[in-house]
Amino acid sequence: MDGDTLVETVRERMATELDRLGSEKALVATTEAQLDRARVLEATLAAERRAAATFDAWAEHEDEDVREAFERVAALERDHADRVAALLDDPEAVDAVPAPDALHAHLRDLSSTPERVAAGLVARPLVSARSLLQVVNFFVNEADESAADVIRDLRSETDALVDDGAALLDACCESEADWERAVDAAERTVAVAYEAYAERLRGMGVDPAPVC
């Protein structure tokens, strides 16, 4: 296996979950149905800050090449957070370091490098890019093209992390067992994100499955 194959494997095996995570219900779940500008931005900002904290924590326990990669991603996520915060009237309303949600609690429990790279730099961006698409759509519908453009840039940069993750997996997976752990970690990460999304919707009486 190689990094590109892992990415395609995860996309194929978790296609249903990823499709639903990118549905119009995504913002309903993340904002608890509070679909106003401030709440959408607050939820987006919290997600970026959680990601930065996760990569910062991981970087402390990795060897040089992977540590540097995680530090770069943490810096990118902080930059994303700054760009989102600039769109808010009151960025101080969002915790500077929000508590981990289910996704990031799961990520921070991962201990091996292949697991962290596959989960953090493949699965998490696959999930996040789909969520960010719905944020873009929200601002397009609000006729706020300036905010939509900011989120489009964030989404593009998040998408690019998947290729970075694939390349880093090629460098750090040394055995078939490493690749197996990486695939499992990526799939479990998508599953954790989906289950949290589905539980929030069910709690509001909304079916996470699409209406056919």
N, C-alpha and C. Protein backbone atom coordinates (compact mmCIF):
# COMPACT_ATOMS: atom_id res chain seq x y z
N MET A 1 0.85 -1.20 0.00
CA MET A 1 0.00 0.00 0.00
C MET A 1 0.88 1.24 0.00
N ASP A 2 0.33 2.34 -0.48
CA ASP A 2 1.01 3.63 -0.37
C ASP A 2 -0.01 4.67 0.08
N GLY A 3 0.45 5.91 0.26
CA GLY A 3 -0.42 6.94 0.79
C GLY A 3 -1.63 7.22 -0.08
N ASP A 4 -1.43 7.30 -1.39
CA ASP A 4 -2.55 7.59 -2.28
C ASP A 4 -3.60 6.48 -2.24
N THR A 5 -3.12 5.23 -2.15
CA THR A 5 -4.04 4.10 -2.07
C THR A 5 -4.84 4.15 -0.78
N LEU A 6 -4.18 4.54 0.31
CA LEU A 6 -4.89 4.66 1.58
C LEU A 6 -6.00 5.70 1.48
N VAL A 7 -5.69 6.84 0.89
CA VAL A 7 -6.70 7.90 0.75
C VAL A 7 -7.91 7.39 -0.03
N GLU A 8 -7.66 6.73 -1.14
CA GLU A 8 -8.77 6.22 -1.95
C GLU A 8 -9.55 5.14 -1.22
N THR A 9 -8.83 4.31 -0.46
CA THR A 9 -9.49 3.27 0.31
C THR A 9 -10.45 3.87 1.33
N VAL A 10 -9.99 4.88 2.04
CA VAL A 10 -10.83 5.53 3.05
C VAL A 10 -12.02 6.21 2.39
N ARG A 11 -11.79 6.90 1.28
CA ARG A 11 -12.90 7.56 0.57
C ARG A 11 -13.96 6.55 0.14
N GLU A 12 -13.52 5.41 -0.35
CA GLU A 12 -14.47 4.41 -0.84
C GLU A 12 -15.21 3.73 0.31
N ARG A 13 -14.47 3.30 1.32
CA ARG A 13 -15.10 2.55 2.42
C ARG A 13 -16.01 3.43 3.28
N MET A 14 -15.69 4.70 3.38
CA MET A 14 -16.45 5.60 4.25
C MET A 14 -17.26 6.60 3.43
N ALA A 15 -17.59 6.24 2.20
CA ALA A 15 -18.28 7.17 1.30
C ALA A 15 -19.62 7.64 1.86
N THR A 16 -20.39 6.74 2.44
CA THR A 16 -21.70 7.13 2.97
C THR A 16 -21.55 8.14 4.09
N GLU A 17 -20.66 7.84 5.03
CA GLU A 17 -20.46 8.74 6.17
C GLU A 17 -19.94 10.10 5.71
N LEU A 18 -18.98 10.10 4.79
CA LEU A 18 -18.44 11.37 4.30
C LEU A 18 -19.50 12.18 3.54
N ASP A 19 -20.30 11.51 2.74
CA ASP A 19 -21.37 12.22 2.02
C ASP A 19 -22.33 12.88 2.99
N ARG A 20 -22.72 12.17 4.04
CA ARG A 20 -23.67 12.73 5.00
C ARG A 20 -23.03 13.86 5.81
N LEU A 21 -21.73 13.73 6.11
CA LEU A 21 -21.04 14.79 6.85
C LEU A 21 -20.94 16.07 6.02
N GLY A 22 -21.07 15.94 4.71
CA GLY A 22 -21.04 17.11 3.84
C GLY A 22 -22.41 17.56 3.39
N SER A 23 -23.44 17.05 4.03
CA SER A 23 -24.80 17.39 3.62
C SER A 23 -25.22 18.74 4.21
N GLU A 24 -26.39 19.21 3.79
CA GLU A 24 -26.92 20.48 4.29
C GLU A 24 -27.24 20.41 5.77
N LYS A 25 -27.28 19.18 6.34
CA LYS A 25 -27.57 19.05 7.77
C LYS A 25 -26.32 19.30 8.63
N ALA A 26 -25.16 19.45 7.99
CA ALA A 26 -23.92 19.60 8.75
C ALA A 26 -23.97 20.79 9.68
N LEU A 27 -24.44 21.93 9.17
CA LEU A 27 -24.50 23.13 10.01
C LEU A 27 -25.58 23.03 11.07
N VAL A 28 -26.65 22.32 10.77
CA VAL A 28 -27.68 22.09 11.78
C VAL A 28 -27.06 21.38 12.97
N ALA A 29 -26.22 20.38 12.69
CA ALA A 29 -25.58 19.62 13.77
C ALA A 29 -24.56 20.46 14.53
N THR A 30 -23.66 21.14 13.81
CA THR A 30 -22.57 21.83 14.48
C THR A 30 -23.04 23.07 15.24
N THR A 31 -24.14 23.67 14.81
CA THR A 31 -24.64 24.88 15.48
C THR A 31 -25.83 24.59 16.39
N GLU A 32 -26.22 23.32 16.47
CA GLU A 32 -27.43 22.94 17.22
C GLU A 32 -28.64 23.73 16.73
N ALA A 33 -28.71 23.81 15.41
CA ALA A 33 -29.83 24.45 14.69
C ALA A 33 -29.91 25.96 14.90
N GLN A 34 -28.82 26.56 15.38
CA GLN A 34 -28.78 28.03 15.50
C GLN A 34 -28.08 28.60 14.26
N LEU A 35 -28.84 28.68 13.18
CA LEU A 35 -28.26 29.00 11.88
C LEU A 35 -28.21 30.51 11.63
N ASP A 36 -27.41 31.18 12.45
CA ASP A 36 -27.17 32.60 12.23
C ASP A 36 -25.67 32.81 12.04
N ARG A 37 -25.31 33.96 11.52
CA ARG A 37 -23.93 34.24 11.14
C ARG A 37 -22.95 34.04 12.29
N ALA A 38 -23.26 34.60 13.44
CA ALA A 38 -22.34 34.52 14.57
C ALA A 38 -22.14 33.08 15.01
N ARG A 39 -23.21 32.31 15.09
CA ARG A 39 -23.10 30.92 15.56
C ARG A 39 -22.33 30.07 14.57
N VAL A 40 -22.54 30.27 13.29
CA VAL A 40 -21.80 29.51 12.28
C VAL A 40 -20.31 29.81 12.38
N LEU A 41 -19.97 31.08 12.52
CA LEU A 41 -18.55 31.45 12.64
C LEU A 41 -17.95 30.95 13.94
N GLU A 42 -18.69 31.01 15.04
CA GLU A 42 -18.18 30.52 16.32
C GLU A 42 -17.86 29.02 16.25
N ALA A 43 -18.75 28.26 15.63
CA ALA A 43 -18.52 26.82 15.50
C ALA A 43 -17.30 26.54 14.62
N THR A 44 -17.16 27.32 13.55
CA THR A 44 -16.01 27.16 12.66
C THR A 44 -14.72 27.52 13.37
N LEU A 45 -14.73 28.60 14.12
CA LEU A 45 -13.55 29.02 14.86
C LEU A 45 -13.15 27.98 15.90
N ALA A 46 -14.12 27.44 16.62
CA ALA A 46 -13.81 26.42 17.62
C ALA A 46 -13.17 25.20 16.98
N ALA A 47 -13.65 24.80 15.82
CA ALA A 47 -13.08 23.64 15.13
C ALA A 47 -11.62 23.88 14.75
N GLU A 48 -11.31 25.07 14.26
CA GLU A 48 -9.93 25.38 13.88
C GLU A 48 -9.02 25.41 15.11
N ARG A 49 -9.50 25.95 16.21
CA ARG A 49 -8.69 26.02 17.41
C ARG A 49 -8.46 24.64 18.02
N ARG A 50 -9.47 23.78 17.96
CA ARG A 50 -9.28 22.41 18.44
C ARG A 50 -8.22 21.69 17.62
N ALA A 51 -8.26 21.88 16.31
CA ALA A 51 -7.28 21.23 15.43
C ALA A 51 -5.87 21.70 15.75
N ALA A 52 -5.70 23.00 15.95
CA ALA A 52 -4.37 23.53 16.28
C ALA A 52 -3.86 22.90 17.57
N ALA A 53 -4.73 22.80 18.58
CA ALA A 53 -4.31 22.22 19.86
C ALA A 53 -3.94 20.75 19.71
N THR A 54 -4.66 20.02 18.88
CA THR A 54 -4.35 18.60 18.67
C THR A 54 -2.97 18.43 18.04
N PHE A 55 -2.69 19.19 16.98
CA PHE A 55 -1.40 19.05 16.31
C PHE A 55 -0.25 19.55 17.18
N ASP A 56 -0.49 20.57 17.98
CA ASP A 56 0.53 21.03 18.92
C ASP A 56 0.87 19.92 19.92
N ALA A 57 -0.16 19.27 20.44
CA ALA A 57 0.06 18.20 21.41
C ALA A 57 0.81 17.03 20.79
N TRP A 58 0.43 16.66 19.58
CA TRP A 58 1.13 15.57 18.90
C TRP A 58 2.59 15.90 18.62
N ALA A 59 2.86 17.13 18.22
CA ALA A 59 4.22 17.50 17.81
C ALA A 59 5.22 17.30 18.94
N GLU A 60 4.77 17.39 20.17
CA GLU A 60 5.68 17.24 21.31
C GLU A 60 6.23 15.83 21.43
N HIS A 61 5.60 14.87 20.76
CA HIS A 61 5.96 13.47 20.96
C HIS A 61 6.42 12.77 19.68
N GLU A 62 6.85 13.54 18.70
CA GLU A 62 7.26 12.96 17.43
C GLU A 62 8.72 13.29 17.11
N ASP A 63 9.31 12.47 16.25
CA ASP A 63 10.66 12.74 15.76
C ASP A 63 10.64 13.91 14.78
N GLU A 64 11.80 14.33 14.37
CA GLU A 64 11.97 15.62 13.70
C GLU A 64 11.05 15.85 12.51
N ASP A 65 11.05 14.95 11.52
CA ASP A 65 10.29 15.22 10.29
C ASP A 65 8.79 15.32 10.55
N VAL A 66 8.27 14.37 11.32
CA VAL A 66 6.84 14.38 11.62
C VAL A 66 6.51 15.53 12.55
N ARG A 67 7.39 15.78 13.51
CA ARG A 67 7.15 16.92 14.41
C ARG A 67 7.04 18.22 13.62
N GLU A 68 7.95 18.42 12.69
CA GLU A 68 7.91 19.65 11.88
C GLU A 68 6.63 19.72 11.05
N ALA A 69 6.19 18.58 10.52
CA ALA A 69 4.95 18.56 9.74
C ALA A 69 3.76 18.93 10.62
N PHE A 70 3.70 18.36 11.82
CA PHE A 70 2.60 18.67 12.73
C PHE A 70 2.65 20.13 13.17
N GLU A 71 3.84 20.65 13.40
CA GLU A 71 3.96 22.06 13.78
C GLU A 71 3.47 22.97 12.66
N ARG A 72 3.75 22.60 11.41
CA ARG A 72 3.27 23.40 10.29
C ARG A 72 1.75 23.39 10.22
N VAL A 73 1.16 22.22 10.45
CA VAL A 73 -0.30 22.14 10.40
C VAL A 73 -0.91 22.92 11.56
N ALA A 74 -0.31 22.82 12.73
CA ALA A 74 -0.82 23.59 13.87
C ALA A 74 -0.79 25.08 13.56
N ALA A 75 0.30 25.54 12.95
CA ALA A 75 0.41 26.96 12.59
C ALA A 75 -0.65 27.33 11.55
N LEU A 76 -0.90 26.44 10.59
CA LEU A 76 -1.94 26.69 9.59
C LEU A 76 -3.30 26.80 10.25
N GLU A 77 -3.58 25.90 11.19
CA GLU A 77 -4.89 25.93 11.85
C GLU A 77 -5.04 27.19 12.69
N ARG A 78 -3.96 27.66 13.31
CA ARG A 78 -4.04 28.92 14.05
C ARG A 78 -4.31 30.08 13.10
N ASP A 79 -3.68 30.04 11.93
CA ASP A 79 -3.93 31.08 10.93
C ASP A 79 -5.39 31.02 10.46
N HIS A 80 -5.90 29.82 10.25
CA HIS A 80 -7.31 29.67 9.90
C HIS A 80 -8.19 30.28 10.99
N ALA A 81 -7.87 29.98 12.24
CA ALA A 81 -8.66 30.52 13.35
C ALA A 81 -8.63 32.04 13.35
N ASP A 82 -7.47 32.61 13.09
CA ASP A 82 -7.35 34.07 13.06
C ASP A 82 -8.22 34.66 11.95
N ARG A 83 -8.25 34.00 10.79
CA ARG A 83 -9.03 34.52 9.68
C ARG A 83 -10.53 34.43 9.96
N VAL A 84 -10.94 33.35 10.64
CA VAL A 84 -12.35 33.24 11.01
C VAL A 84 -12.69 34.26 12.08
N ALA A 85 -11.82 34.40 13.07
CA ALA A 85 -12.07 35.35 14.17
C ALA A 85 -12.24 36.76 13.64
N ALA A 86 -11.50 37.10 12.57
CA ALA A 86 -11.60 38.45 12.00
C ALA A 86 -12.98 38.74 11.42
N LEU A 87 -13.76 37.69 11.16
CA LEU A 87 -15.11 37.87 10.61
C LEU A 87 -16.16 38.05 11.71
N LEU A 88 -15.76 37.79 12.95
CA LEU A 88 -16.70 37.86 14.07
C LEU A 88 -16.72 39.26 14.70
N ASP A 89 -17.88 39.67 15.14
CA ASP A 89 -17.97 40.92 15.88
C ASP A 89 -17.31 40.78 17.26
N ASP A 90 -17.42 39.57 17.85
CA ASP A 90 -16.87 39.35 19.19
C ASP A 90 -16.13 38.01 19.24
N PRO A 91 -14.90 37.96 18.72
CA PRO A 91 -14.15 36.70 18.74
C PRO A 91 -13.86 36.19 20.13
N GLU A 92 -13.88 37.08 21.14
CA GLU A 92 -13.62 36.65 22.51
C GLU A 92 -14.74 35.78 23.06
N ALA A 93 -15.86 35.73 22.37
CA ALA A 93 -16.98 34.90 22.83
C ALA A 93 -16.67 33.42 22.69
N VAL A 94 -15.67 33.07 21.89
CA VAL A 94 -15.28 31.68 21.69
C VAL A 94 -14.03 31.41 22.50
N ASP A 95 -14.02 30.31 23.24
CA ASP A 95 -12.85 29.97 24.05
C ASP A 95 -11.60 29.92 23.20
N ALA A 96 -10.51 30.48 23.72
CA ALA A 96 -9.24 30.46 22.99
C ALA A 96 -8.78 29.03 22.75
N VAL A 97 -9.00 28.17 23.74
CA VAL A 97 -8.68 26.75 23.59
C VAL A 97 -9.92 25.96 24.00
N PRO A 98 -10.86 25.76 23.09
CA PRO A 98 -12.10 25.06 23.45
C PRO A 98 -11.82 23.61 23.83
N ALA A 99 -12.66 23.07 24.67
CA ALA A 99 -12.53 21.66 25.06
C ALA A 99 -12.66 20.78 23.83
N PRO A 100 -11.93 19.65 23.81
CA PRO A 100 -12.04 18.77 22.65
C PRO A 100 -13.45 18.22 22.49
N ASP A 101 -13.90 18.17 21.26
CA ASP A 101 -15.16 17.48 20.98
C ASP A 101 -14.86 16.00 20.79
N ALA A 102 -15.85 15.23 20.38
CA ALA A 102 -15.66 13.79 20.25
C ALA A 102 -14.53 13.46 19.26
N LEU A 103 -14.48 14.20 18.15
CA LEU A 103 -13.46 13.94 17.13
C LEU A 103 -12.07 14.16 17.71
N HIS A 104 -11.86 15.29 18.36
CA HIS A 104 -10.51 15.59 18.83
C HIS A 104 -10.14 14.82 20.10
N ALA A 105 -11.11 14.43 20.90
CA ALA A 105 -10.82 13.53 22.01
C ALA A 105 -10.30 12.20 21.46
N HIS A 106 -10.94 11.73 20.41
CA HIS A 106 -10.48 10.50 19.75
C HIS A 106 -9.07 10.68 19.17
N LEU A 107 -8.85 11.76 18.46
CA LEU A 107 -7.54 11.98 17.84
C LEU A 107 -6.43 12.03 18.89
N ARG A 108 -6.69 12.71 19.99
CA ARG A 108 -5.64 12.88 21.00
C ARG A 108 -5.32 11.60 21.75
N ASP A 109 -6.18 10.59 21.61
CA ASP A 109 -5.90 9.29 22.22
C ASP A 109 -4.99 8.42 21.34
N LEU A 110 -4.78 8.81 20.09
CA LEU A 110 -3.95 8.01 19.20
C LEU A 110 -2.48 8.17 19.60
N SER A 111 -1.75 7.07 19.55
CA SER A 111 -0.38 7.11 20.07
C SER A 111 0.71 6.85 19.04
N SER A 112 0.40 6.13 17.96
CA SER A 112 1.46 5.82 16.99
C SER A 112 1.47 6.84 15.86
N THR A 113 2.65 7.03 15.28
CA THR A 113 2.79 8.01 14.20
C THR A 113 1.91 7.69 13.00
N PRO A 114 1.90 6.44 12.49
CA PRO A 114 1.03 6.17 11.34
C PRO A 114 -0.44 6.46 11.63
N GLU A 115 -0.90 6.15 12.84
CA GLU A 115 -2.29 6.43 13.20
C GLU A 115 -2.55 7.93 13.19
N ARG A 116 -1.65 8.70 13.80
CA ARG A 116 -1.85 10.14 13.88
C ARG A 116 -1.85 10.79 12.50
N VAL A 117 -0.92 10.37 11.65
CA VAL A 117 -0.84 10.96 10.31
C VAL A 117 -2.10 10.63 9.51
N ALA A 118 -2.50 9.36 9.54
CA ALA A 118 -3.67 8.95 8.76
C ALA A 118 -4.95 9.60 9.28
N ALA A 119 -5.08 9.65 10.60
CA ALA A 119 -6.29 10.22 11.19
C ALA A 119 -6.31 11.74 11.09
N GLY A 120 -5.16 12.37 11.36
CA GLY A 120 -5.11 13.82 11.42
C GLY A 120 -4.92 14.51 10.10
N LEU A 121 -4.20 13.86 9.18
CA LEU A 121 -3.87 14.51 7.91
C LEU A 121 -4.54 13.87 6.70
N VAL A 122 -5.34 12.85 6.94
CA VAL A 122 -6.17 12.29 5.86
C VAL A 122 -7.64 12.35 6.27
N ALA A 123 -8.00 11.63 7.33
CA ALA A 123 -9.42 11.54 7.70
C ALA A 123 -9.98 12.88 8.15
N ARG A 124 -9.27 13.57 9.05
CA ARG A 124 -9.81 14.84 9.56
C ARG A 124 -10.01 15.87 8.44
N PRO A 125 -9.05 16.05 7.52
CA PRO A 125 -9.32 16.99 6.42
C PRO A 125 -10.47 16.55 5.51
N LEU A 126 -10.61 15.25 5.29
CA LEU A 126 -11.73 14.78 4.48
C LEU A 126 -13.06 15.18 5.13
N VAL A 127 -13.12 15.07 6.45
CA VAL A 127 -14.32 15.47 7.18
C VAL A 127 -14.47 16.99 7.19
N SER A 128 -13.39 17.69 7.52
CA SER A 128 -13.45 19.14 7.70
C SER A 128 -13.79 19.87 6.39
N ALA A 129 -13.22 19.39 5.29
CA ALA A 129 -13.49 20.06 4.02
C ALA A 129 -14.97 19.99 3.67
N ARG A 130 -15.61 18.90 4.04
CA ARG A 130 -17.04 18.78 3.76
C ARG A 130 -17.85 19.72 4.65
N SER A 131 -17.45 19.84 5.91
CA SER A 131 -18.13 20.78 6.79
C SER A 131 -17.95 22.22 6.31
N LEU A 132 -16.74 22.54 5.89
CA LEU A 132 -16.46 23.91 5.43
C LEU A 132 -17.23 24.25 4.16
N LEU A 133 -17.51 23.26 3.32
CA LEU A 133 -18.31 23.53 2.13
C LEU A 133 -19.68 24.06 2.52
N GLN A 134 -20.26 23.50 3.57
CA GLN A 134 -21.57 23.98 4.00
C GLN A 134 -21.50 25.37 4.61
N VAL A 135 -20.35 25.71 5.21
CA VAL A 135 -20.17 27.08 5.70
C VAL A 135 -20.08 28.04 4.51
N VAL A 136 -19.36 27.64 3.46
CA VAL A 136 -19.32 28.45 2.24
C VAL A 136 -20.73 28.67 1.72
N ASN A 137 -21.49 27.58 1.62
CA ASN A 137 -22.85 27.69 1.09
C ASN A 137 -23.72 28.62 1.95
N PHE A 138 -23.52 28.55 3.25
CA PHE A 138 -24.28 29.42 4.15
C PHE A 138 -24.04 30.89 3.80
N PHE A 139 -22.78 31.26 3.63
CA PHE A 139 -22.48 32.67 3.36
C PHE A 139 -22.87 33.08 1.94
N VAL A 140 -22.81 32.15 1.01
CA VAL A 140 -23.32 32.44 -0.33
C VAL A 140 -24.82 32.75 -0.25
N ASN A 141 -25.55 31.94 0.50
CA ASN A 141 -26.99 32.17 0.65
C ASN A 141 -27.29 33.47 1.39
N GLU A 142 -26.35 33.89 2.25
CA GLU A 142 -26.50 35.15 2.98
C GLU A 142 -26.02 36.35 2.16
N ALA A 143 -25.57 36.08 0.93
CA ALA A 143 -25.03 37.13 0.06
C ALA A 143 -23.82 37.83 0.67
N ASP A 144 -23.05 37.06 1.45
CA ASP A 144 -21.83 37.58 2.07
C ASP A 144 -20.64 36.93 1.36
N GLU A 145 -20.32 37.47 0.17
CA GLU A 145 -19.26 36.85 -0.64
C GLU A 145 -17.88 37.01 -0.01
N SER A 146 -17.68 38.05 0.76
CA SER A 146 -16.39 38.24 1.41
C SER A 146 -16.11 37.11 2.40
N ALA A 147 -17.09 36.81 3.25
CA ALA A 147 -16.94 35.70 4.19
C ALA A 147 -16.84 34.36 3.46
N ALA A 148 -17.65 34.20 2.42
CA ALA A 148 -17.60 32.95 1.64
C ALA A 148 -16.21 32.73 1.05
N ASP A 149 -15.59 33.80 0.57
CA ASP A 149 -14.24 33.67 0.00
C ASP A 149 -13.22 33.26 1.04
N VAL A 150 -13.35 33.81 2.24
CA VAL A 150 -12.42 33.42 3.32
C VAL A 150 -12.54 31.92 3.60
N ILE A 151 -13.77 31.44 3.71
CA ILE A 151 -13.98 30.03 4.03
C ILE A 151 -13.57 29.14 2.84
N ARG A 152 -13.76 29.62 1.62
CA ARG A 152 -13.29 28.86 0.46
C ARG A 152 -11.78 28.64 0.53
N ASP A 153 -11.05 29.69 0.92
CA ASP A 153 -9.60 29.56 1.04
C ASP A 153 -9.22 28.55 2.12
N LEU A 154 -9.91 28.60 3.24
CA LEU A 154 -9.65 27.64 4.30
C LEU A 154 -9.92 26.21 3.81
N ARG A 155 -11.02 26.06 3.08
CA ARG A 155 -11.37 24.72 2.59
C ARG A 155 -10.32 24.21 1.61
N SER A 156 -9.85 25.08 0.71
CA SER A 156 -8.83 24.67 -0.25
C SER A 156 -7.55 24.22 0.46
N GLU A 157 -7.15 24.98 1.48
CA GLU A 157 -5.95 24.62 2.22
C GLU A 157 -6.14 23.35 3.03
N THR A 158 -7.34 23.13 3.53
CA THR A 158 -7.65 21.91 4.26
C THR A 158 -7.62 20.71 3.32
N ASP A 159 -8.20 20.87 2.13
CA ASP A 159 -8.15 19.80 1.13
C ASP A 159 -6.72 19.39 0.80
N ALA A 160 -5.84 20.37 0.70
CA ALA A 160 -4.45 20.10 0.33
C ALA A 160 -3.73 19.27 1.38
N LEU A 161 -4.21 19.29 2.62
CA LEU A 161 -3.56 18.51 3.67
C LEU A 161 -3.66 17.01 3.41
N VAL A 162 -4.67 16.60 2.67
CA VAL A 162 -4.82 15.16 2.39
C VAL A 162 -3.63 14.65 1.58
N ASP A 163 -3.20 15.42 0.60
CA ASP A 163 -2.02 15.02 -0.18
C ASP A 163 -0.76 15.04 0.69
N ASP A 164 -0.67 16.02 1.58
CA ASP A 164 0.47 16.05 2.50
C ASP A 164 0.47 14.82 3.39
N GLY A 165 -0.71 14.43 3.86
CA GLY A 165 -0.81 13.25 4.70
C GLY A 165 -0.41 11.99 3.97
N ALA A 166 -0.84 11.87 2.71
CA ALA A 166 -0.47 10.69 1.92
C ALA A 166 1.04 10.60 1.75
N ALA A 167 1.68 11.72 1.46
CA ALA A 167 3.14 11.72 1.30
C ALA A 167 3.85 11.40 2.60
N LEU A 168 3.34 11.93 3.71
CA LEU A 168 3.98 11.66 5.00
C LEU A 168 3.81 10.20 5.40
N LEU A 169 2.68 9.61 5.06
CA LEU A 169 2.48 8.18 5.33
C LEU A 169 3.50 7.34 4.57
N ASP A 170 3.80 7.72 3.34
CA ASP A 170 4.82 6.98 2.57
C ASP A 170 6.15 6.99 3.29
N ALA A 171 6.43 8.07 4.01
CA ALA A 171 7.71 8.20 4.70
C ALA A 171 7.73 7.50 6.05
N CYS A 172 6.58 7.42 6.72
CA CYS A 172 6.62 6.91 8.10
C CYS A 172 6.07 5.50 8.26
N CYS A 173 5.38 4.95 7.27
CA CYS A 173 4.90 3.57 7.37
C CYS A 173 5.98 2.62 6.85
N GLU A 174 6.50 1.81 7.75
CA GLU A 174 7.64 0.96 7.40
C GLU A 174 7.27 -0.50 7.22
N SER A 175 6.04 -0.87 7.53
CA SER A 175 5.64 -2.28 7.44
C SER A 175 4.16 -2.35 7.08
N GLU A 176 3.73 -3.55 6.71
CA GLU A 176 2.31 -3.75 6.41
C GLU A 176 1.46 -3.48 7.64
N ALA A 177 2.01 -3.81 8.81
CA ALA A 177 1.28 -3.55 10.06
C ALA A 177 1.05 -2.05 10.25
N ASP A 178 2.05 -1.24 9.89
CA ASP A 178 1.89 0.21 9.98
C ASP A 178 0.75 0.68 9.09
N TRP A 179 0.70 0.15 7.86
CA TRP A 179 -0.35 0.56 6.93
C TRP A 179 -1.73 0.12 7.44
N GLU A 180 -1.79 -1.07 8.02
CA GLU A 180 -3.06 -1.54 8.56
C GLU A 180 -3.54 -0.65 9.69
N ARG A 181 -2.61 -0.25 10.58
CA ARG A 181 -2.98 0.66 11.67
C ARG A 181 -3.43 2.01 11.12
N ALA A 182 -2.76 2.46 10.07
CA ALA A 182 -3.10 3.76 9.48
C ALA A 182 -4.50 3.73 8.87
N VAL A 183 -4.80 2.71 8.10
CA VAL A 183 -6.12 2.60 7.48
C VAL A 183 -7.20 2.53 8.55
N ASP A 184 -6.96 1.68 9.56
CA ASP A 184 -7.96 1.53 10.63
C ASP A 184 -8.18 2.85 11.36
N ALA A 185 -7.09 3.58 11.64
CA ALA A 185 -7.22 4.85 12.35
C ALA A 185 -8.00 5.87 11.52
N ALA A 186 -7.73 5.93 10.23
CA ALA A 186 -8.45 6.87 9.37
C ALA A 186 -9.93 6.54 9.30
N GLU A 187 -10.25 5.28 9.13
CA GLU A 187 -11.66 4.89 9.05
C GLU A 187 -12.37 5.13 10.37
N ARG A 188 -11.71 4.81 11.48
CA ARG A 188 -12.34 5.04 12.79
C ARG A 188 -12.56 6.52 13.03
N THR A 189 -11.66 7.35 12.55
CA THR A 189 -11.81 8.79 12.73
C THR A 189 -13.03 9.32 12.00
N VAL A 190 -13.23 8.88 10.77
CA VAL A 190 -14.44 9.28 10.03
C VAL A 190 -15.67 8.76 10.76
N ALA A 191 -15.60 7.53 11.25
CA ALA A 191 -16.74 6.94 11.95
C ALA A 191 -17.07 7.72 13.22
N VAL A 192 -16.05 8.14 13.97
CA VAL A 192 -16.28 8.92 15.19
C VAL A 192 -16.93 10.26 14.85
N ALA A 193 -16.42 10.92 13.82
CA ALA A 193 -17.00 12.20 13.41
C ALA A 193 -18.45 12.02 12.97
N TYR A 194 -18.71 10.95 12.24
CA TYR A 194 -20.07 10.73 11.76
C TYR A 194 -21.02 10.41 12.91
N GLU A 195 -20.58 9.58 13.85
CA GLU A 195 -21.47 9.21 14.94
C GLU A 195 -21.80 10.42 15.82
N ALA A 196 -20.82 11.30 16.03
CA ALA A 196 -21.09 12.51 16.80
C ALA A 196 -22.11 13.39 16.08
N TYR A 197 -21.94 13.50 14.76
CA TYR A 197 -22.87 14.27 13.92
C TYR A 197 -24.26 13.66 13.99
N ALA A 198 -24.33 12.34 13.84
CA ALA A 198 -25.63 11.66 13.83
C ALA A 198 -26.32 11.78 15.18
N GLU A 199 -25.56 11.66 16.26
CA GLU A 199 -26.15 11.76 17.60
C GLU A 199 -26.72 13.15 17.85
N ARG A 200 -26.00 14.19 17.41
CA ARG A 200 -26.52 15.54 17.59
C ARG A 200 -27.83 15.73 16.84
N LEU A 201 -27.88 15.22 15.60
CA LEU A 201 -29.11 15.35 14.83
C LEU A 201 -30.25 14.56 15.46
N ARG A 202 -29.98 13.34 15.87
CA ARG A 202 -31.04 12.53 16.49
C ARG A 202 -31.56 13.21 17.75
N GLY A 203 -30.63 13.86 18.49
CA GLY A 203 -31.04 14.56 19.70
C GLY A 203 -31.99 15.71 19.43
N MET A 204 -31.95 16.21 18.20
CA MET A 204 -32.86 17.29 17.79
C MET A 204 -34.07 16.75 17.03
N GLY A 205 -34.17 15.44 16.97
CA GLY A 205 -35.28 14.83 16.25
C GLY A 205 -35.12 14.84 14.74
N VAL A 206 -33.86 14.93 14.27
CA VAL A 206 -33.58 14.97 12.83
C VAL A 206 -32.92 13.67 12.42
N ASP A 207 -33.39 13.07 11.36
CA ASP A 207 -32.80 11.84 10.84
C ASP A 207 -31.52 12.18 10.08
N PRO A 208 -30.35 11.59 10.48
CA PRO A 208 -29.13 11.89 9.74
C PRO A 208 -29.08 11.32 8.34
N ALA A 209 -29.92 10.34 8.03
CA ALA A 209 -29.94 9.77 6.69
C ALA A 209 -30.64 10.74 5.73
N PRO A 210 -30.20 10.79 4.48
CA PRO A 210 -30.87 11.68 3.53
C PRO A 210 -32.29 11.22 3.24
N VAL A 211 -33.13 12.18 2.93
CA VAL A 211 -34.52 11.86 2.57
C VAL A 211 -34.56 11.48 1.10
N CYS A 212 -35.06 10.28 0.82
CA CYS A 212 -35.09 9.79 -0.58
C CYS A 212 -36.46 10.03 -1.19
